[in-house]
C-alpha cells in the first residue's frame, strides 16, 4: 500500500534521503507500504488505495475537442478553408461576411 506524505518544499531533500519518492503526476511525495512509516511521521502519512480521488478532475473528451476546434490551428492540424471572394483577408466584403471571423 502506498502512503502519501505532506512534505513542504524546504524539507524535500530530507524526505528523499529517508527514502520518499516523488510522484510527478499527482505532485506529491509518497512511500511504499513496505517502508517503515515511523521516520515519516512528521509529514503525516496517509494511505492511498490507488484511486485518483485527490487528483484533479479530468475534462471530458468532447470538451477537449471543442476547445481545440475553437483555437487557430497551426502545423499538422491546419486545414485551409476555401476562399469565398478575392478581397484581402483583413477586409470583410458582402460576399464573405458570413464566413468572416469578426464582423
Protein backbone atom coordinates (compact mmCIF):
# COMPACT_ATOMS: atom_id res chain seq x y z
CA UNK A 1 0.00 0.00 0.00
CA UNK A 2 1.20 3.48 -0.79
CA UNK A 3 1.37 6.26 1.81
CA UNK A 4 1.18 9.87 0.64
CA UNK A 5 3.23 12.47 2.54
CA UNK A 6 2.68 16.19 3.06
CA UNK A 7 6.28 17.34 2.63
CA UNK A 8 6.98 21.09 2.50
CA UNK A 9 9.31 22.13 -0.32
CA UNK A 10 12.03 23.15 2.16
CA UNK A 11 12.11 19.59 3.57
CA UNK A 12 12.02 17.66 0.30
CA UNK A 13 15.70 16.70 0.45
CA UNK A 14 15.28 15.24 3.96
CA UNK A 15 12.33 13.15 2.81
CA UNK A 16 14.26 11.96 -0.23
CA UNK A 17 17.23 10.89 1.94
CA UNK A 18 14.88 8.82 4.09
CA UNK A 19 13.52 7.02 1.01
CA UNK A 20 10.45 9.00 -0.03
CA UNK A 21 9.70 9.17 -3.74
CA UNK A 22 8.16 11.96 -5.84
CA UNK A 23 5.03 11.31 -7.92
CA UNK A 24 5.10 13.95 -10.65
CA UNK A 25 1.61 13.08 -11.90
CA UNK A 26 -0.03 13.72 -8.54
CA UNK A 27 2.63 16.19 -7.39
CA UNK A 28 3.09 14.54 -4.03
CA UNK A 29 5.74 12.67 -2.08
CA UNK A 30 4.98 9.07 -1.09
CA UNK A 31 6.46 5.90 0.40
CA UNK A 32 5.62 2.30 -0.37
CA UNK A 33 3.74 0.35 2.26
CA UNK A 34 6.81 -1.87 2.72
CA UNK A 35 8.84 1.02 4.18
CA UNK A 36 8.69 1.85 7.88
CA UNK A 37 6.41 4.91 8.24
CA UNK A 38 7.90 5.95 11.62
CA UNK A 39 10.63 8.24 10.18
CA UNK A 40 7.97 9.96 8.06
CA UNK A 41 5.55 10.64 10.94
CA UNK A 42 6.15 14.41 10.90
CA UNK A 43 4.82 14.56 7.34
CA UNK A 44 1.61 12.74 8.40
CA UNK A 45 1.49 9.76 6.03
CA UNK A 46 -1.99 8.96 4.75
CA UNK A 47 -2.95 5.70 2.99
CA UNK A 48 -3.63 5.77 -0.73
CA UNK A 49 -5.53 2.90 -2.30
CA UNK A 50 -4.57 3.89 -5.86
CA UNK A 51 -7.75 5.74 -6.74
CA UNK A 52 -7.32 9.23 -8.10
CA UNK A 53 -9.69 10.85 -5.59
CA UNK A 54 -7.17 13.55 -4.71
CA UNK A 55 -6.05 14.03 -8.32
CA UNK A 56 -7.53 16.89 -10.33
CA UNK A 57 -10.64 16.01 -12.31
CA UNK A 58 -10.10 15.43 -16.00
CA UNK A 59 -12.10 17.22 -18.66
CA UNK A 60 -14.40 15.11 -20.81
CA UNK A 61 -13.01 14.28 -24.24
CA UNK A 62 -15.82 16.17 -26.01
CA UNK A 63 -14.98 19.39 -24.13
CA UNK A 64 -11.32 18.97 -25.07
CA UNK A 65 -12.19 18.52 -28.74
CA UNK A 66 -14.42 21.58 -28.61
CA UNK A 67 -11.68 23.75 -27.11
CA UNK A 68 -9.23 22.53 -29.75
CA UNK A 69 -11.72 23.27 -32.53
CA UNK A 70 -12.22 26.84 -31.35
CA UNK A 71 -8.49 27.70 -31.49
CA UNK A 72 -6.49 28.78 -34.51
CA UNK A 73 -4.93 25.61 -35.89
CA UNK A 74 -1.30 25.52 -36.97
CA UNK A 75 1.08 22.77 -38.05
CA UNK A 76 -0.37 19.35 -38.84
CA UNK A 77 -3.82 20.40 -37.55
CA UNK A 78 -4.14 23.29 -40.02
CA UNK A 79 -6.88 22.96 -42.63
CA UNK A 80 -7.10 25.70 -45.24
CA UNK A 81 -10.61 26.99 -45.77
CA UNK A 82 -11.73 27.78 -49.33
CA UNK A 83 -11.80 31.46 -50.31
CA UNK A 84 -15.24 32.93 -50.96
CA UNK A 85 -14.03 36.04 -52.78
CA UNK A 86 -10.83 37.84 -53.82
CA UNK A 87 -10.84 40.54 -51.12
CA UNK A 88 -7.81 40.78 -48.78
CA UNK A 89 -8.16 38.64 -45.61
CA UNK A 90 -8.18 41.67 -43.31
CA UNK A 91 -11.16 43.24 -45.10
CA UNK A 92 -14.70 41.92 -44.90
CA UNK A 93 -16.84 42.36 -48.01
CA UNK A 94 -20.52 41.49 -48.51
CA UNK A 95 -19.68 38.18 -50.20
CA UNK A 96 -17.52 36.84 -47.35
CA UNK A 97 -19.32 38.41 -44.37
CA UNK A 98 -21.00 35.08 -43.41
CA UNK A 99 -17.64 33.28 -43.08
CA UNK A 100 -15.65 36.13 -41.53
CA UNK A 101 -14.18 35.65 -38.03
CA UNK A 102 -15.06 39.21 -36.99
CA UNK A 103 -17.85 41.46 -38.16
